[in-house]
C-alpha cells in the first residue's frame, strides 16, 4: 500500500492510488476479521445462549460498507480525471501493479480455503480478490499508456476497480443482511422443507415453521408438527430430525410434535399473533 501511494503520486496515477485506498480497507478488513474470529470462538454462556458467532456477520457487513465507500471515492476521482486527465507515467504503473498482483495472489491463496466456511473470511477474501483484479486492470492500463500515450486509460482502469468494489459489496452486504434479518439460508427453501416434513406418512400438519441462520454454517429450524393419534411422537420427532439433517444439512432443530385432536386447530405460519382456523384433515 505504501509503495502504491508513493509511486501513484510520482506517476500521477489514480489507478495506483485507488488500489492503495482499496488496500487500506483490506488492511482494516483483515484486522476486523481476525478480531471477529477470536470473539466468535468464545463459548456460549450467560445472555448469549447461541454464543457470539454473529459477530462475524457484523464484521462482514462492515467490510461490505467499506467497499461501498471506497468504490464511491474512486468513481468520483476517476470521472474528474476522465474529463481532465493528467500526464501518467505508464511504465511505473505497469511495474508496481504487477508486483501488487503477485502479493495479492499469495494472500488470496491463504484465504481461499476458509472463505466457503465463514462469511467473515469470505468478506476478507472478496477484498483481496477485488484488489487482485484491480491490480491486473491497472497493469493493463499502464501497458496501454506505454503503447498509445492515451492517459485516460488510467482513470478507466480505476472505474473498473470501483465496479468490482460495488459488486463485492452488494454480494457481501446482501448475504450478511439476510443472516441479521434471520432469513433462511440461501441454499435452503423453507417451502421445500415444509413439504418434506408434511410428506411423512404420519404427519397431519406442519405449522409455525421457521428456518434461519444463526451464523455462517449454522442453520437452525423450529416447527410445530401434528401427527396421527396412534403415532409415536418421540419416534416421529427423531425420524424427522434425521431427515432434515440428511436432506438439508440442518442439525440444530427444535421440533414440537403433538398428536392431532378431533377439535384441533392450526396456526398462521410465522404470525406474531397466531389466528385459529379449522384443521384440514384431508
C-alpha atoms as a PDB file:
ATOM      1  CA  UNK A   1       0.000   0.000   0.000  1.00  0.00           C
ATOM      2  CA  UNK A   2       2.826   2.385   0.905  1.00  0.00           C
ATOM      3  CA  UNK A   3       4.617   1.579  -2.352  1.00  0.00           C
ATOM      4  CA  UNK A   4       1.446   2.248  -4.337  1.00  0.00           C
ATOM      5  CA  UNK A   5       0.846   5.588  -2.651  1.00  0.00           C
ATOM      6  CA  UNK A   6       4.454   6.661  -3.258  1.00  0.00           C
ATOM      7  CA  UNK A   7       4.599   5.653  -6.906  1.00  0.00           C
ATOM      8  CA  UNK A   8       0.983   6.635  -7.529  1.00  0.00           C
ATOM      9  CA  UNK A   9       1.915  10.212  -6.633  1.00  0.00           C
ATOM     10  CA  UNK A  10       5.155  10.058  -8.667  1.00  0.00           C
ATOM     11  CA  UNK A  11       3.405   8.623 -11.723  1.00  0.00           C
ATOM     12  CA  UNK A  12       0.221  10.763 -11.291  1.00  0.00           C
ATOM     13  CA  UNK A  13      -1.763   7.501 -11.443  1.00  0.00           C
ATOM     14  CA  UNK A  14      -5.244   7.420  -9.946  1.00  0.00           C
ATOM     15  CA  UNK A  15      -5.381   3.675 -10.661  1.00  0.00           C
ATOM     16  CA  UNK A  16      -2.458   3.068  -8.282  1.00  0.00           C
ATOM     17  CA  UNK A  17      -3.881   5.442  -5.675  1.00  0.00           C
ATOM     18  CA  UNK A  18      -7.294   3.749  -5.995  1.00  0.00           C
ATOM     19  CA  UNK A  19      -5.676   0.373  -5.427  1.00  0.00           C
ATOM     20  CA  UNK A  20      -3.844   1.798  -2.424  1.00  0.00           C
ATOM     21  CA  UNK A  21      -7.099   3.114  -0.984  1.00  0.00           C
ATOM     22  CA  UNK A  22      -8.682  -0.265  -1.511  1.00  0.00           C
ATOM     23  CA  UNK A  23      -5.707  -1.932   0.173  1.00  0.00           C
ATOM     24  CA  UNK A  24      -6.216   0.341   3.181  1.00  0.00           C
ATOM     25  CA  UNK A  25      -9.755  -1.016   3.548  1.00  0.00           C
ATOM     26  CA  UNK A  26      -8.261  -4.504   3.067  1.00  0.00           C
ATOM     27  CA  UNK A  27      -5.900  -3.999   5.985  1.00  0.00           C
ATOM     28  CA  UNK A  28      -8.731  -2.775   8.206  1.00  0.00           C
ATOM     29  CA  UNK A  29     -10.967  -5.615   6.983  1.00  0.00           C
ATOM     30  CA  UNK A  30      -8.357  -8.248   7.817  1.00  0.00           C
ATOM     31  CA  UNK A  31      -7.802  -6.818  11.310  1.00  0.00           C
ATOM     32  CA  UNK A  32     -11.571  -6.755  11.866  1.00  0.00           C
ATOM     33  CA  UNK A  33     -11.908 -10.314  10.535  1.00  0.00           C
ATOM     34  CA  UNK A  34      -9.207 -11.601  12.891  1.00  0.00           C
ATOM     35  CA  UNK A  35     -10.841  -9.902  15.879  1.00  0.00           C
ATOM     36  CA  UNK A  36     -14.253 -11.272  14.872  1.00  0.00           C
ATOM     37  CA  UNK A  37     -12.911 -14.827  14.606  1.00  0.00           C
ATOM     38  CA  UNK A  38     -11.477 -14.551  18.117  1.00  0.00           C
ATOM     39  CA  UNK A  39     -14.707 -13.201  19.594  1.00  0.00           C
ATOM     40  CA  UNK A  40     -16.893 -15.716  17.720  1.00  0.00           C
ATOM     41  CA  UNK A  41     -14.834 -18.603  19.118  1.00  0.00           C
ATOM     42  CA  UNK A  42     -15.850 -17.809  22.695  1.00  0.00           C
ATOM     43  CA  UNK A  43     -18.209 -20.401  24.180  1.00  0.00           C
ATOM     44  CA  UNK A  44     -21.907 -19.699  24.625  1.00  0.00           C
ATOM     45  CA  UNK A  45     -22.962 -18.543  28.075  1.00  0.00           C
ATOM     46  CA  UNK A  46     -24.948 -16.034  30.094  1.00  0.00           C
ATOM     47  CA  UNK A  47     -27.310 -13.990  27.942  1.00  0.00           C
ATOM     48  CA  UNK A  48     -25.625 -15.144  24.727  1.00  0.00           C
ATOM     49  CA  UNK A  49     -27.040 -18.652  24.539  1.00  0.00           C
ATOM     50  CA  UNK A  50     -26.003 -19.016  20.887  1.00  0.00           C
ATOM     51  CA  UNK A  51     -22.536 -17.646  21.589  1.00  0.00           C
ATOM     52  CA  UNK A  52     -21.054 -14.656  19.757  1.00  0.00           C
ATOM     53  CA  UNK A  53     -20.785 -16.230  16.313  1.00  0.00           C
ATOM     54  CA  UNK A  54     -22.852 -13.466  14.711  1.00  0.00           C
ATOM     55  CA  UNK A  55     -20.019 -11.001  15.383  1.00  0.00           C
ATOM     56  CA  UNK A  56     -18.511 -12.475  12.206  1.00  0.00           C
ATOM     57  CA  UNK A  57     -21.617 -11.376  10.314  1.00  0.00           C
ATOM     58  CA  UNK A  58     -21.294  -7.834  11.659  1.00  0.00           C
ATOM     59  CA  UNK A  59     -17.661  -7.855  10.536  1.00  0.00           C
ATOM     60  CA  UNK A  60     -18.764  -8.888   7.049  1.00  0.00           C
ATOM     61  CA  UNK A  61     -21.282  -6.029   6.993  1.00  0.00           C
ATOM     62  CA  UNK A  62     -18.595  -3.543   7.973  1.00  0.00           C
ATOM     63  CA  UNK A  63     -16.375  -4.870   5.173  1.00  0.00           C
ATOM     64  CA  UNK A  64     -19.204  -4.506   2.672  1.00  0.00           C
ATOM     65  CA  UNK A  65     -19.872  -0.914   3.716  1.00  0.00           C
ATOM     66  CA  UNK A  66     -16.176  -0.058   3.468  1.00  0.00           C
ATOM     67  CA  UNK A  67     -16.129  -1.441  -0.099  1.00  0.00           C
ATOM     68  CA  UNK A  68     -19.087   0.793  -0.991  1.00  0.00           C
ATOM     69  CA  UNK A  69     -17.366   3.878   0.414  1.00  0.00           C
ATOM     70  CA  UNK A  70     -14.039   3.263  -1.315  1.00  0.00           C
ATOM     71  CA  UNK A  71     -15.875   2.483  -4.568  1.00  0.00           C
ATOM     72  CA  UNK A  72     -17.699   5.807  -4.363  1.00  0.00           C
ATOM     73  CA  UNK A  73     -14.466   7.735  -3.786  1.00  0.00           C
ATOM     74  CA  UNK A  74     -12.725   6.007  -6.712  1.00  0.00           C
ATOM     75  CA  UNK A  75     -15.677   6.694  -9.033  1.00  0.00           C
ATOM     76  CA  UNK A  76     -15.735  10.395  -8.159  1.00  0.00           C
ATOM     77  CA  UNK A  77     -11.993  10.812  -8.676  1.00  0.00           C
ATOM     78  CA  UNK A  78     -11.959   8.765 -11.894  1.00  0.00           C
ATOM     79  CA  UNK A  79     -14.728  10.821 -13.521  1.00  0.00           C
ATOM     80  CA  UNK A  80     -12.760  14.003 -12.793  1.00  0.00           C
ATOM     81  CA  UNK A  81      -9.653  12.509 -14.418  1.00  0.00           C
ATOM     82  CA  UNK A  82     -11.535  11.276 -17.468  1.00  0.00           C
ATOM     83  CA  UNK A  83     -12.658  14.867 -18.041  1.00  0.00           C
ATOM     84  CA  UNK A  84      -9.216  16.365 -17.370  1.00  0.00           C
ATOM     85  CA  UNK A  85      -6.535  13.639 -17.479  1.00  0.00           C
ATOM     86  CA  UNK A  86      -3.063  14.400 -16.076  1.00  0.00           C
ATOM     87  CA  UNK A  87       0.154  13.033 -17.570  1.00  0.00           C
ATOM     88  CA  UNK A  88       0.596   9.437 -16.360  1.00  0.00           C
ATOM     89  CA  UNK A  89       3.884   7.502 -16.368  1.00  0.00           C
ATOM     90  CA  UNK A  90       2.713   4.163 -17.700  1.00  0.00           C
ATOM     91  CA  UNK A  91       5.949   2.233 -17.064  1.00  0.00           C
ATOM     92  CA  UNK A  92       5.834   2.867 -13.311  1.00  0.00           C
ATOM     93  CA  UNK A  93       2.135   1.958 -13.213  1.00  0.00           C
ATOM     94  CA  UNK A  94       2.780  -1.335 -15.024  1.00  0.00           C
ATOM     95  CA  UNK A  95       5.676  -2.477 -12.809  1.00  0.00           C
ATOM     96  CA  UNK A  96       4.075  -1.563  -9.479  1.00  0.00           C
ATOM     97  CA  UNK A  97       0.743  -3.120 -10.457  1.00  0.00           C
ATOM     98  CA  UNK A  98       2.388  -6.425 -11.409  1.00  0.00           C
ATOM     99  CA  UNK A  99       4.234  -6.560  -8.068  1.00  0.00           C
ATOM    100  CA  UNK A 100       0.972  -5.870  -6.259  1.00  0.00           C
ATOM    101  CA  UNK A 101      -0.801  -8.599  -8.234  1.00  0.00           C
ATOM    102  CA  UNK A 102       1.762 -11.182  -7.098  1.00  0.00           C
ATOM    103  CA  UNK A 103       1.290 -10.144  -3.445  1.00  0.00           C
ATOM    104  CA  UNK A 104      -2.487 -10.463  -3.757  1.00  0.00           C
ATOM    105  CA  UNK A 105      -2.265 -13.894  -5.383  1.00  0.00           C
ATOM    106  CA  UNK A 106      -0.366 -15.101  -2.306  1.00  0.00           C
ATOM    107  CA  UNK A 107      -2.907 -13.535   0.079  1.00  0.00           C
ATOM    108  CA  UNK A 108      -5.885 -14.939  -1.868  1.00  0.00           C
ATOM    109  CA  UNK A 109      -4.365 -18.431  -1.743  1.00  0.00           C
ATOM    110  CA  UNK A 110      -4.191 -18.225   2.054  1.00  0.00           C
ATOM    111  CA  UNK A 111      -7.854 -17.201   2.407  1.00  0.00           C
ATOM    112  CA  UNK A 112      -9.373 -19.280  -0.404  1.00  0.00           C
ATOM    113  CA  UNK A 113      -9.862 -22.423   1.663  1.00  0.00           C
ATOM    114  CA  UNK A 114     -11.761 -20.803   4.538  1.00  0.00           C
ATOM    115  CA  UNK A 115     -13.948 -18.390   2.566  1.00  0.00           C
ATOM    116  CA  UNK A 116     -16.576 -21.069   1.847  1.00  0.00           C
ATOM    117  CA  UNK A 117     -16.995 -21.811   5.561  1.00  0.00           C
ATOM    118  CA  UNK A 118     -17.272 -18.310   7.037  1.00  0.00           C
ATOM    119  CA  UNK A 119     -18.946 -15.150   5.744  1.00  0.00           C
ATOM    120  CA  UNK A 120     -16.353 -13.213   7.738  1.00  0.00           C
ATOM    121  CA  UNK A 121     -13.431 -14.867   5.926  1.00  0.00           C
ATOM    122  CA  UNK A 122     -15.367 -14.510   2.662  1.00  0.00           C
ATOM    123  CA  UNK A 123     -15.504 -10.763   3.269  1.00  0.00           C
ATOM    124  CA  UNK A 124     -11.734 -10.624   3.644  1.00  0.00           C
ATOM    125  CA  UNK A 125     -11.299 -12.893   0.600  1.00  0.00           C
ATOM    126  CA  UNK A 126     -13.502 -10.624  -1.544  1.00  0.00           C
ATOM    127  CA  UNK A 127     -11.373  -7.633  -0.560  1.00  0.00           C
ATOM    128  CA  UNK A 128      -8.224  -9.458  -1.657  1.00  0.00           C
ATOM    129  CA  UNK A 129      -9.614 -10.832  -4.934  1.00  0.00           C
ATOM    130  CA  UNK A 130     -11.074  -7.432  -5.824  1.00  0.00           C
ATOM    131  CA  UNK A 131      -7.639  -5.960  -5.241  1.00  0.00           C
ATOM    132  CA  UNK A 132      -6.081  -8.632  -7.449  1.00  0.00           C
ATOM    133  CA  UNK A 133      -8.471  -7.851 -10.296  1.00  0.00           C
ATOM    134  CA  UNK A 134      -7.797  -4.148  -9.768  1.00  0.00           C
ATOM    135  CA  UNK A 135      -4.038  -4.691  -9.986  1.00  0.00           C
ATOM    136  CA  UNK A 136      -4.397  -6.637 -13.221  1.00  0.00           C
ATOM    137  CA  UNK A 137      -6.583  -3.890 -14.689  1.00  0.00           C
ATOM    138  CA  UNK A 138      -4.110  -1.256 -13.562  1.00  0.00           C
ATOM    139  CA  UNK A 139      -1.219  -3.196 -15.113  1.00  0.00           C
ATOM    140  CA  UNK A 140      -3.164  -3.386 -18.375  1.00  0.00           C
ATOM    141  CA  UNK A 141      -3.807   0.360 -18.244  1.00  0.00           C
ATOM    142  CA  UNK A 142      -0.107   1.033 -17.648  1.00  0.00           C
ATOM    143  CA  UNK A 143       0.830  -1.104 -20.638  1.00  0.00           C
ATOM    144  CA  UNK A 144      -1.713   0.611 -22.879  1.00  0.00           C
ATOM    145  CA  UNK A 145      -0.490   4.056 -21.793  1.00  0.00           C
ATOM    146  CA  UNK A 146       3.050   2.998 -22.720  1.00  0.00           C
ATOM    147  CA  UNK A 147       1.881   1.820 -26.144  1.00  0.00           C
ATOM    148  CA  UNK A 148      -0.544   4.614 -27.033  1.00  0.00           C
ATOM    149  CA  UNK A 149       0.236   7.544 -24.743  1.00  0.00           C
ATOM    150  CA  UNK A 150      -3.520   7.936 -24.024  1.00  0.00           C
ATOM    151  CA  UNK A 151      -3.671   8.898 -20.320  1.00  0.00           C
ATOM    152  CA  UNK A 152      -7.400   8.225 -19.923  1.00  0.00           C
ATOM    153  CA  UNK A 153      -6.673   4.503 -19.677  1.00  0.00           C
ATOM    154  CA  UNK A 154      -5.635   5.183 -16.066  1.00  0.00           C
ATOM    155  CA  UNK A 155      -8.991   6.572 -14.769  1.00  0.00           C
ATOM    156  CA  UNK A 156     -10.854   3.996 -16.891  1.00  0.00           C
ATOM    157  CA  UNK A 157      -8.962   1.246 -15.048  1.00  0.00           C
ATOM    158  CA  UNK A 158      -9.931   2.976 -11.798  1.00  0.00           C
ATOM    159  CA  UNK A 159     -13.601   2.792 -12.761  1.00  0.00           C
ATOM    160  CA  UNK A 160     -13.110  -0.947 -13.250  1.00  0.00           C
ATOM    161  CA  UNK A 161     -11.761  -1.202  -9.703  1.00  0.00           C
ATOM    162  CA  UNK A 162     -14.768   0.783  -8.427  1.00  0.00           C
ATOM    163  CA  UNK A 163     -17.169  -1.560 -10.252  1.00  0.00           C
ATOM    164  CA  UNK A 164     -15.525  -4.575  -8.620  1.00  0.00           C
ATOM    165  CA  UNK A 165     -15.874  -2.871  -5.228  1.00  0.00           C
ATOM    166  CA  UNK A 166     -19.605  -2.321  -5.786  1.00  0.00           C
ATOM    167  CA  UNK A 167     -20.210  -5.909  -6.957  1.00  0.00           C
ATOM    168  CA  UNK A 168     -18.370  -7.405  -3.978  1.00  0.00           C
ATOM    169  CA  UNK A 169     -20.062  -5.010  -1.542  1.00  0.00           C
ATOM    170  CA  UNK A 170     -23.532  -5.878  -2.869  1.00  0.00           C
ATOM    171  CA  UNK A 171     -22.909  -9.619  -2.545  1.00  0.00           C
ATOM    172  CA  UNK A 172     -21.441  -9.319   0.943  1.00  0.00           C
ATOM    173  CA  UNK A 173     -23.998  -6.912   2.434  1.00  0.00           C
ATOM    174  CA  UNK A 174     -26.931  -8.853   0.933  1.00  0.00           C
ATOM    175  CA  UNK A 175     -25.771 -12.124   2.474  1.00  0.00           C
ATOM    176  CA  UNK A 176     -24.929 -10.605   5.866  1.00  0.00           C
ATOM    177  CA  UNK A 177     -28.245  -8.706   5.998  1.00  0.00           C
ATOM    178  CA  UNK A 178     -30.097 -11.942   5.269  1.00  0.00           C
ATOM    179  CA  UNK A 179     -28.470 -13.511   8.326  1.00  0.00           C
ATOM    180  CA  UNK A 180     -29.088 -10.463  10.545  1.00  0.00           C
ATOM    181  CA  UNK A 181     -32.750 -10.380   9.467  1.00  0.00           C
ATOM    182  CA  UNK A 182     -32.942 -14.138  10.166  1.00  0.00           C
ATOM    183  CA  UNK A 183     -33.819 -15.133   6.629  1.00  0.00           C
ATOM    184  CA  UNK A 184     -33.457 -18.756   5.608  1.00  0.00           C
ATOM    185  CA  UNK A 185     -30.037 -19.917   4.360  1.00  0.00           C
ATOM    186  CA  UNK A 186     -29.550 -19.204   0.673  1.00  0.00           C
ATOM    187  CA  UNK A 187     -29.444 -22.885  -0.282  1.00  0.00           C
ATOM    188  CA  UNK A 188     -32.482 -23.922   1.800  1.00  0.00           C
ATOM    189  CA  UNK A 189     -36.040 -23.252   0.600  1.00  0.00           C
ATOM    190  CA  UNK A 190     -38.456 -23.168   3.588  1.00  0.00           C
ATOM    191  CA  UNK A 191     -41.307 -24.278   1.311  1.00  0.00           C
ATOM    192  CA  UNK A 192     -39.323 -27.366   0.311  1.00  0.00           C
ATOM    193  CA  UNK A 193     -38.562 -28.069   3.966  1.00  0.00           C
ATOM    194  CA  UNK A 194     -42.247 -27.793   4.862  1.00  0.00           C
ATOM    195  CA  UNK A 195     -43.252 -30.090   2.003  1.00  0.00           C
ATOM    196  CA  UNK A 196     -40.703 -32.694   3.095  1.00  0.00           C
ATOM    197  CA  UNK A 197     -41.998 -32.665   6.670  1.00  0.00           C
ATOM    198  CA  UNK A 198     -45.636 -32.777   5.552  1.00  0.00           C
ATOM    199  CA  UNK A 199     -44.951 -35.691   3.190  1.00  0.00           C
ATOM    200  CA  UNK A 200     -44.210 -38.010   6.119  1.00  0.00           C
ATOM    201  CA  UNK A 201     -46.903 -40.702   6.292  1.00  0.00           C
ATOM    202  CA  UNK A 202     -47.722 -39.987   9.957  1.00  0.00           C
ATOM    203  CA  UNK A 203     -47.711 -36.161   9.779  1.00  0.00           C
ATOM    204  CA  UNK A 204     -51.110 -34.479   9.605  1.00  0.00           C
ATOM    205  CA  UNK A 205     -49.999 -30.853   9.665  1.00  0.00           C
ATOM    206  CA  UNK A 206     -46.906 -28.634   9.922  1.00  0.00           C
ATOM    207  CA  UNK A 207     -47.106 -25.039  11.095  1.00  0.00           C
ATOM    208  CA  UNK A 208     -45.045 -22.357  12.851  1.00  0.00           C
ATOM    209  CA  UNK A 209     -42.140 -23.398  10.624  1.00  0.00           C
ATOM    210  CA  UNK A 210     -39.086 -21.147  10.927  1.00  0.00           C
ATOM    211  CA  UNK A 211     -35.715 -21.621   9.216  1.00  0.00           C
ATOM    212  CA  UNK A 212     -32.891 -19.167   9.875  1.00  0.00           C
ATOM    213  CA  UNK A 213     -29.099 -18.832  10.073  1.00  0.00           C
ATOM    214  CA  UNK A 214     -27.516 -18.211  13.459  1.00  0.00           C
ATOM    215  CA  UNK A 215     -24.124 -17.523  11.864  1.00  0.00           C
ATOM    216  CA  UNK A 216     -22.063 -18.879   8.960  1.00  0.00           C
ATOM    217  CA  UNK A 217     -22.559 -22.626   8.626  1.00  0.00           C
ATOM    218  CA  UNK A 218     -25.088 -22.763  11.488  1.00  0.00           C
ATOM    219  CA  UNK A 219     -28.643 -23.152  10.116  1.00  0.00           C
ATOM    220  CA  UNK A 220     -31.449 -23.694  12.598  1.00  0.00           C
ATOM    221  CA  UNK A 221     -35.087 -24.764  12.387  1.00  0.00           C
ATOM    222  CA  UNK A 222     -38.150 -24.867  14.615  1.00  0.00           C
ATOM    223  CA  UNK A 223     -41.635 -26.165  13.851  1.00  0.00           C
ATOM    224  CA  UNK A 224     -44.844 -27.428  15.416  1.00  0.00           C
ATOM    225  CA  UNK A 225     -45.899 -30.757  13.937  1.00  0.00           C
ATOM    226  CA  UNK A 226     -49.150 -32.649  14.437  1.00  0.00           C
ATOM    227  CA  UNK A 227     -49.112 -36.408  13.888  1.00  0.00           C
ATOM    228  CA  UNK A 228     -51.821 -39.062  13.864  1.00  0.00           C
ATOM    229  CA  UNK A 229     -53.260 -40.059  17.219  1.00  0.00           C
ATOM    230  CA  UNK A 230     -51.793 -43.574  17.067  1.00  0.00           C
ATOM    231  CA  UNK A 231     -48.290 -42.320  16.158  1.00  0.00           C
ATOM    232  CA  UNK A 232     -45.284 -42.294  18.489  1.00  0.00           C
ATOM    233  CA  UNK A 233     -44.398 -38.609  18.912  1.00  0.00           C
ATOM    234  CA  UNK A 234     -40.823 -39.286  20.039  1.00  0.00           C
ATOM    235  CA  UNK A 235     -40.100 -41.646  17.155  1.00  0.00           C
ATOM    236  CA  UNK A 236     -41.637 -39.167  14.691  1.00  0.00           C
ATOM    237  CA  UNK A 237     -39.506 -36.321  16.048  1.00  0.00           C
ATOM    238  CA  UNK A 238     -36.291 -38.351  15.776  1.00  0.00           C
ATOM    239  CA  UNK A 239     -37.176 -39.515  12.250  1.00  0.00           C
ATOM    240  CA  UNK A 240     -37.977 -36.015  11.021  1.00  0.00           C
ATOM    241  CA  UNK A 241     -34.871 -34.513  12.655  1.00  0.00           C
ATOM    242  CA  UNK A 242     -32.696 -37.103  10.909  1.00  0.00           C
ATOM    243  CA  UNK A 243     -34.387 -36.381   7.566  1.00  0.00           C
ATOM    244  CA  UNK A 244     -33.779 -32.641   7.976  1.00  0.00           C
ATOM    245  CA  UNK A 245     -30.094 -33.279   8.610  1.00  0.00           C
ATOM    246  CA  UNK A 246     -29.714 -35.655   5.666  1.00  0.00           C
ATOM    247  CA  UNK A 247     -31.666 -33.665   3.063  1.00  0.00           C
ATOM    248  CA  UNK A 248     -30.972 -30.059   4.078  1.00  0.00           C
ATOM    249  CA  UNK A 249     -27.945 -30.203   6.376  1.00  0.00           C
ATOM    250  CA  UNK A 250     -29.919 -28.770   9.318  1.00  0.00           C
ATOM    251  CA  UNK A 251     -28.749 -30.464  12.509  1.00  0.00           C
ATOM    252  CA  UNK A 252     -29.968 -27.827  15.001  1.00  0.00           C
ATOM    253  CA  UNK A 253     -33.728 -28.419  15.141  1.00  0.00           C
ATOM    254  CA  UNK A 254     -36.459 -27.741  17.679  1.00  0.00           C
ATOM    255  CA  UNK A 255     -39.487 -29.836  16.768  1.00  0.00           C
ATOM    256  CA  UNK A 256     -42.625 -29.787  18.922  1.00  0.00           C
ATOM    257  CA  UNK A 257     -44.526 -32.945  17.939  1.00  0.00           C
ATOM    258  CA  UNK A 258     -48.074 -33.435  19.243  1.00  0.00           C
ATOM    259  CA  UNK A 259     -50.988 -35.721  18.488  1.00  0.00           C
ATOM    260  CA  UNK A 260     -53.760 -34.245  16.406  1.00  0.00           C
ATOM    261  CA  UNK A 261     -57.137 -33.937  18.129  1.00  0.00           C
ATOM    262  CA  UNK A 262     -60.585 -34.022  16.592  1.00  0.00           C
ATOM    263  CA  UNK A 263     -61.129 -30.421  17.707  1.00  0.00           C
ATOM    264  CA  UNK A 264     -57.689 -29.342  16.565  1.00  0.00           C
ATOM    265  CA  UNK A 265     -56.659 -26.036  15.111  1.00  0.00           C
ATOM    266  CA  UNK A 266     -53.692 -24.726  13.180  1.00  0.00           C
ATOM    267  CA  UNK A 267     -51.666 -21.544  13.309  1.00  0.00           C
ATOM    268  CA  UNK A 268     -50.729 -18.990  10.686  1.00  0.00           C
ATOM    269  CA  UNK A 269     -47.135 -19.560   9.541  1.00  0.00           C
ATOM    270  CA  UNK A 270     -44.794 -17.096  11.196  1.00  0.00           C
ATOM    271  CA  UNK A 271     -47.610 -14.903  12.561  1.00  0.00           C
ATOM    272  CA  UNK A 272     -46.870 -12.801  15.627  1.00  0.00           C
ATOM    273  CA  UNK A 273     -50.393 -13.408  16.938  1.00  0.00           C
ATOM    274  CA  UNK A 274     -51.490 -16.761  15.502  1.00  0.00           C
ATOM    275  CA  UNK A 275     -55.042 -16.918  14.157  1.00  0.00           C
ATOM    276  CA  UNK A 276     -57.012 -20.094  14.749  1.00  0.00           C
ATOM    277  CA  UNK A 277     -58.688 -21.799  11.822  1.00  0.00           C
ATOM    278  CA  UNK A 278     -60.330 -25.222  11.413  1.00  0.00           C
ATOM    279  CA  UNK A 279     -57.899 -28.095  10.925  1.00  0.00           C
ATOM    280  CA  UNK A 280     -57.899 -29.646   7.462  1.00  0.00           C
ATOM    281  CA  UNK A 281     -57.929 -33.435   7.844  1.00  0.00           C
ATOM    282  CA  UNK A 282     -57.802 -34.122   4.095  1.00  0.00           C
END
